[in-house]
Amino acid sequence: MKSIKIEFSKYEPVDFLWSELIEDYGFEKAKNIVSQAKDLQKMNGKKNITMPIIFSGTGGLALIPMKLLKKQDFISSFKDTQLLIFNLKKKSFQIIKEAS
């Protein structure tokens, strides 16, 4: 398993990455990507410790430690339904609070 380090202080929180994901992949495929991210969390994640992340440019998935986000005060509390969409090129990310 490859490990990468993301310094969230260098990235901007935005509110448009979910809509871009839908535009890029279509609604059904975007929903499927979210479902796969949630499945990844269920199979390999740790409750209240990891969060699924979707890389918007590729549709790739990973798990990240929530402490990275808490450290930067991007989240104060965590819900099992949250996930993060990350765009490396645009240096931005979006936390989806109620993914279903």
N, C-alpha and C. Protein backbone atom coordinates (compact mmCIF):
# COMPACT_ATOMS: atom_id res chain seq x y z
N MET A 1 0.84 -1.17 0.00
CA MET A 1 0.00 0.00 0.00
C MET A 1 0.89 1.24 0.00
N LYS A 2 0.62 2.16 -0.89
CA LYS A 2 1.40 3.38 -1.01
C LYS A 2 0.89 4.43 -0.03
N SER A 3 1.80 5.15 0.55
CA SER A 3 1.43 6.19 1.49
C SER A 3 1.88 7.54 0.94
N ILE A 4 0.96 8.50 0.93
CA ILE A 4 1.31 9.85 0.52
C ILE A 4 0.98 10.80 1.65
N LYS A 5 1.68 11.91 1.68
CA LYS A 5 1.43 12.89 2.72
C LYS A 5 0.78 14.12 2.08
N ILE A 6 -0.31 14.53 2.66
CA ILE A 6 -1.03 15.72 2.17
C ILE A 6 -1.00 16.76 3.28
N GLU A 7 -0.47 17.91 2.98
CA GLU A 7 -0.50 19.02 3.93
C GLU A 7 -1.70 19.90 3.59
N PHE A 8 -2.78 19.71 4.33
CA PHE A 8 -4.02 20.40 4.01
C PHE A 8 -3.94 21.92 4.18
N SER A 9 -2.96 22.39 4.90
CA SER A 9 -2.80 23.84 5.04
C SER A 9 -2.46 24.50 3.71
N LYS A 10 -1.98 23.71 2.75
CA LYS A 10 -1.61 24.24 1.44
C LYS A 10 -2.76 24.15 0.43
N TYR A 11 -3.89 23.62 0.88
CA TYR A 11 -5.04 23.43 0.01
C TYR A 11 -6.23 24.21 0.53
N GLU A 12 -7.11 24.60 -0.38
CA GLU A 12 -8.26 25.44 -0.02
C GLU A 12 -9.54 24.61 0.09
N PRO A 13 -10.28 24.77 1.19
CA PRO A 13 -11.59 24.11 1.27
C PRO A 13 -12.58 24.82 0.34
N VAL A 14 -13.29 24.07 -0.49
CA VAL A 14 -14.23 24.64 -1.46
C VAL A 14 -15.56 23.90 -1.38
N ASP A 15 -16.53 24.34 -2.16
CA ASP A 15 -17.83 23.68 -2.15
C ASP A 15 -18.29 23.26 -3.55
N PHE A 16 -17.38 23.13 -4.50
CA PHE A 16 -17.78 22.80 -5.87
C PHE A 16 -17.24 21.46 -6.39
N LEU A 17 -16.47 20.74 -5.62
CA LEU A 17 -15.87 19.51 -6.14
C LEU A 17 -16.87 18.38 -6.36
N TRP A 18 -17.91 18.32 -5.52
CA TRP A 18 -18.94 17.30 -5.71
C TRP A 18 -19.64 17.53 -7.04
N SER A 19 -20.01 18.78 -7.34
CA SER A 19 -20.68 19.06 -8.62
C SER A 19 -19.75 18.81 -9.80
N GLU A 20 -18.47 19.08 -9.64
CA GLU A 20 -17.51 18.79 -10.71
C GLU A 20 -17.36 17.28 -10.92
N LEU A 21 -17.41 16.52 -9.84
CA LEU A 21 -17.33 15.07 -9.95
C LEU A 21 -18.52 14.55 -10.76
N ILE A 22 -19.69 15.10 -10.51
CA ILE A 22 -20.89 14.73 -11.27
C ILE A 22 -20.74 15.12 -12.73
N GLU A 23 -20.23 16.33 -13.00
CA GLU A 23 -20.04 16.77 -14.38
C GLU A 23 -19.03 15.88 -15.11
N ASP A 24 -17.95 15.50 -14.43
CA ASP A 24 -16.90 14.70 -15.06
C ASP A 24 -17.30 13.26 -15.31
N TYR A 25 -18.04 12.66 -14.38
CA TYR A 25 -18.33 11.24 -14.45
C TYR A 25 -19.80 10.90 -14.68
N GLY A 26 -20.68 11.87 -14.53
CA GLY A 26 -22.11 11.60 -14.60
C GLY A 26 -22.61 11.25 -13.20
N PHE A 27 -23.90 11.47 -12.96
CA PHE A 27 -24.44 11.31 -11.61
C PHE A 27 -24.34 9.87 -11.12
N GLU A 28 -24.71 8.91 -11.94
CA GLU A 28 -24.70 7.51 -11.50
C GLU A 28 -23.28 7.04 -11.17
N LYS A 29 -22.31 7.38 -12.02
CA LYS A 29 -20.92 6.96 -11.76
C LYS A 29 -20.37 7.68 -10.52
N ALA A 30 -20.70 8.95 -10.34
CA ALA A 30 -20.26 9.69 -9.15
C ALA A 30 -20.83 9.04 -7.89
N LYS A 31 -22.12 8.66 -7.95
CA LYS A 31 -22.74 7.96 -6.81
C LYS A 31 -22.04 6.63 -6.55
N ASN A 32 -21.66 5.94 -7.61
CA ASN A 32 -20.96 4.67 -7.47
C ASN A 32 -19.58 4.87 -6.83
N ILE A 33 -18.88 5.92 -7.22
CA ILE A 33 -17.57 6.23 -6.63
C ILE A 33 -17.73 6.49 -5.14
N VAL A 34 -18.75 7.26 -4.76
CA VAL A 34 -19.01 7.53 -3.33
C VAL A 34 -19.32 6.23 -2.60
N SER A 35 -20.13 5.39 -3.21
CA SER A 35 -20.46 4.10 -2.60
C SER A 35 -19.21 3.24 -2.40
N GLN A 36 -18.32 3.23 -3.38
CA GLN A 36 -17.08 2.47 -3.26
C GLN A 36 -16.19 3.05 -2.16
N ALA A 37 -16.18 4.37 -2.03
CA ALA A 37 -15.38 5.01 -0.96
C ALA A 37 -15.92 4.61 0.41
N LYS A 38 -17.24 4.59 0.55
CA LYS A 38 -17.83 4.19 1.82
C LYS A 38 -17.57 2.72 2.11
N ASP A 39 -17.59 1.88 1.07
CA ASP A 39 -17.27 0.46 1.24
C ASP A 39 -15.82 0.28 1.67
N LEU A 40 -14.92 1.06 1.09
CA LEU A 40 -13.51 1.00 1.47
C LEU A 40 -13.35 1.33 2.95
N GLN A 41 -14.08 2.33 3.42
CA GLN A 41 -14.03 2.70 4.84
C GLN A 41 -14.54 1.54 5.71
N LYS A 42 -15.63 0.93 5.28
CA LYS A 42 -16.20 -0.18 6.06
C LYS A 42 -15.26 -1.38 6.12
N MET A 43 -14.58 -1.67 5.00
CA MET A 43 -13.73 -2.86 4.93
C MET A 43 -12.35 -2.64 5.55
N ASN A 44 -11.77 -1.47 5.35
CA ASN A 44 -10.37 -1.26 5.75
C ASN A 44 -10.15 -0.10 6.70
N GLY A 45 -11.18 0.72 6.90
CA GLY A 45 -11.02 1.90 7.74
C GLY A 45 -11.25 1.60 9.21
N LYS A 46 -11.03 2.62 9.99
CA LYS A 46 -11.27 2.53 11.43
C LYS A 46 -12.21 3.66 11.81
N LYS A 47 -13.29 3.29 12.47
CA LYS A 47 -14.31 4.25 12.86
C LYS A 47 -13.69 5.37 13.70
N ASN A 48 -14.00 6.60 13.34
CA ASN A 48 -13.52 7.82 14.00
C ASN A 48 -12.02 8.02 13.90
N ILE A 49 -11.35 7.26 13.05
CA ILE A 49 -9.90 7.42 12.87
C ILE A 49 -9.56 7.72 11.41
N THR A 50 -10.25 7.04 10.47
CA THR A 50 -9.98 7.27 9.06
C THR A 50 -11.21 7.82 8.36
N MET A 51 -10.97 8.45 7.22
CA MET A 51 -12.03 9.00 6.38
C MET A 51 -11.70 8.64 4.94
N PRO A 52 -12.71 8.25 4.15
CA PRO A 52 -12.45 7.97 2.74
C PRO A 52 -12.21 9.27 1.97
N ILE A 53 -11.31 9.18 1.00
CA ILE A 53 -10.99 10.32 0.15
C ILE A 53 -11.13 9.90 -1.31
N ILE A 54 -11.74 10.76 -2.10
CA ILE A 54 -11.89 10.55 -3.54
C ILE A 54 -11.00 11.56 -4.24
N PHE A 55 -10.16 11.09 -5.14
CA PHE A 55 -9.33 11.99 -5.94
C PHE A 55 -10.12 12.33 -7.19
N SER A 56 -10.56 13.58 -7.30
CA SER A 56 -11.52 13.95 -8.33
C SER A 56 -10.96 13.84 -9.74
N GLY A 57 -9.69 14.01 -9.94
CA GLY A 57 -9.13 13.92 -11.28
C GLY A 57 -9.14 12.52 -11.85
N THR A 58 -9.04 11.51 -10.98
CA THR A 58 -8.93 10.13 -11.43
C THR A 58 -10.07 9.24 -10.96
N GLY A 59 -10.79 9.69 -9.96
CA GLY A 59 -11.82 8.84 -9.35
C GLY A 59 -11.21 7.81 -8.41
N GLY A 60 -9.91 7.96 -8.14
CA GLY A 60 -9.23 7.05 -7.23
C GLY A 60 -9.70 7.22 -5.80
N LEU A 61 -9.48 6.20 -5.00
CA LEU A 61 -9.94 6.19 -3.61
C LEU A 61 -8.80 5.87 -2.67
N ALA A 62 -8.92 6.36 -1.45
CA ALA A 62 -7.96 6.05 -0.40
C ALA A 62 -8.61 6.35 0.95
N LEU A 63 -7.90 6.02 2.00
CA LEU A 63 -8.32 6.38 3.35
C LEU A 63 -7.26 7.31 3.93
N ILE A 64 -7.71 8.32 4.65
CA ILE A 64 -6.76 9.24 5.29
C ILE A 64 -7.05 9.30 6.78
N PRO A 65 -6.02 9.55 7.57
CA PRO A 65 -6.26 9.73 9.01
C PRO A 65 -7.01 11.05 9.25
N MET A 66 -8.06 10.98 10.03
CA MET A 66 -8.83 12.20 10.32
C MET A 66 -8.03 13.22 11.09
N LYS A 67 -7.00 12.79 11.79
CA LYS A 67 -6.21 13.75 12.57
C LYS A 67 -5.58 14.81 11.69
N LEU A 68 -5.34 14.50 10.40
CA LEU A 68 -4.82 15.51 9.48
C LEU A 68 -5.80 16.67 9.31
N LEU A 69 -7.08 16.35 9.27
CA LEU A 69 -8.10 17.38 9.11
C LEU A 69 -8.39 18.09 10.42
N LYS A 70 -8.40 17.34 11.51
CA LYS A 70 -8.64 17.94 12.82
C LYS A 70 -7.51 18.89 13.20
N LYS A 71 -6.29 18.51 12.82
CA LYS A 71 -5.12 19.32 13.12
C LYS A 71 -5.24 20.72 12.50
N GLN A 72 -5.85 20.79 11.32
CA GLN A 72 -6.02 22.07 10.63
C GLN A 72 -7.37 22.73 10.92
N ASP A 73 -8.13 22.15 11.83
CA ASP A 73 -9.46 22.64 12.21
C ASP A 73 -10.46 22.65 11.04
N PHE A 74 -10.30 21.71 10.11
CA PHE A 74 -11.27 21.61 9.03
C PHE A 74 -12.50 20.84 9.45
N ILE A 75 -12.35 19.96 10.43
CA ILE A 75 -13.50 19.27 11.00
C ILE A 75 -13.35 19.27 12.51
N SER A 76 -14.45 19.43 13.20
CA SER A 76 -14.41 19.36 14.66
C SER A 76 -15.03 18.06 15.15
N SER A 77 -16.04 17.58 14.43
CA SER A 77 -16.63 16.30 14.78
C SER A 77 -16.79 15.49 13.49
N PHE A 78 -16.83 14.20 13.63
CA PHE A 78 -16.87 13.31 12.47
C PHE A 78 -18.12 12.46 12.50
N LYS A 79 -18.71 12.30 11.33
CA LYS A 79 -19.84 11.38 11.17
C LYS A 79 -19.39 10.29 10.20
N ASP A 80 -19.91 9.10 10.39
CA ASP A 80 -19.54 7.98 9.54
C ASP A 80 -19.87 8.21 8.07
N THR A 81 -20.76 9.12 7.78
CA THR A 81 -21.17 9.36 6.41
C THR A 81 -20.34 10.43 5.70
N GLN A 82 -19.33 10.95 6.35
CA GLN A 82 -18.51 11.99 5.72
C GLN A 82 -17.43 11.37 4.85
N LEU A 83 -17.10 12.10 3.79
CA LEU A 83 -15.95 11.75 2.98
C LEU A 83 -15.36 13.02 2.41
N LEU A 84 -14.18 12.88 1.85
CA LEU A 84 -13.46 14.03 1.36
C LEU A 84 -13.21 13.86 -0.14
N ILE A 85 -13.46 14.91 -0.90
CA ILE A 85 -13.11 14.93 -2.32
C ILE A 85 -11.90 15.85 -2.44
N PHE A 86 -10.89 15.38 -3.14
CA PHE A 86 -9.62 16.09 -3.20
C PHE A 86 -9.22 16.31 -4.65
N ASN A 87 -8.81 17.55 -4.98
CA ASN A 87 -8.33 17.86 -6.32
C ASN A 87 -6.92 18.42 -6.21
N LEU A 88 -5.96 17.61 -6.60
CA LEU A 88 -4.56 17.98 -6.49
C LEU A 88 -4.21 19.17 -7.39
N LYS A 89 -4.70 19.16 -8.63
CA LYS A 89 -4.37 20.22 -9.58
C LYS A 89 -4.91 21.58 -9.15
N LYS A 90 -6.12 21.59 -8.62
CA LYS A 90 -6.74 22.85 -8.19
C LYS A 90 -6.38 23.21 -6.76
N LYS A 91 -5.59 22.36 -6.11
CA LYS A 91 -5.18 22.57 -4.72
C LYS A 91 -6.39 22.86 -3.84
N SER A 92 -7.39 22.00 -3.96
CA SER A 92 -8.62 22.21 -3.21
C SER A 92 -9.21 20.87 -2.74
N PHE A 93 -10.08 20.97 -1.76
CA PHE A 93 -10.78 19.79 -1.24
C PHE A 93 -12.14 20.21 -0.73
N GLN A 94 -13.02 19.22 -0.65
CA GLN A 94 -14.37 19.44 -0.13
C GLN A 94 -14.74 18.28 0.76
N ILE A 95 -15.25 18.58 1.93
CA ILE A 95 -15.76 17.55 2.82
C ILE A 95 -17.26 17.44 2.59
N ILE A 96 -17.68 16.25 2.21
CA ILE A 96 -19.10 15.98 2.02
C ILE A 96 -19.62 15.47 3.35
N LYS A 97 -20.55 16.21 3.93
CA LYS A 97 -20.99 15.90 5.29
C LYS A 97 -22.04 14.81 5.37
N GLU A 98 -22.88 14.67 4.38
CA GLU A 98 -23.94 13.67 4.42
C GLU A 98 -23.98 12.90 3.12
N ALA A 99 -22.95 12.15 2.83
CA ALA A 99 -22.93 11.32 1.64
C ALA A 99 -23.83 10.12 1.87
N SER A 100 -24.67 9.82 0.91
CA SER A 100 -25.54 8.65 1.06
C SER A 100 -25.50 7.78 -0.16
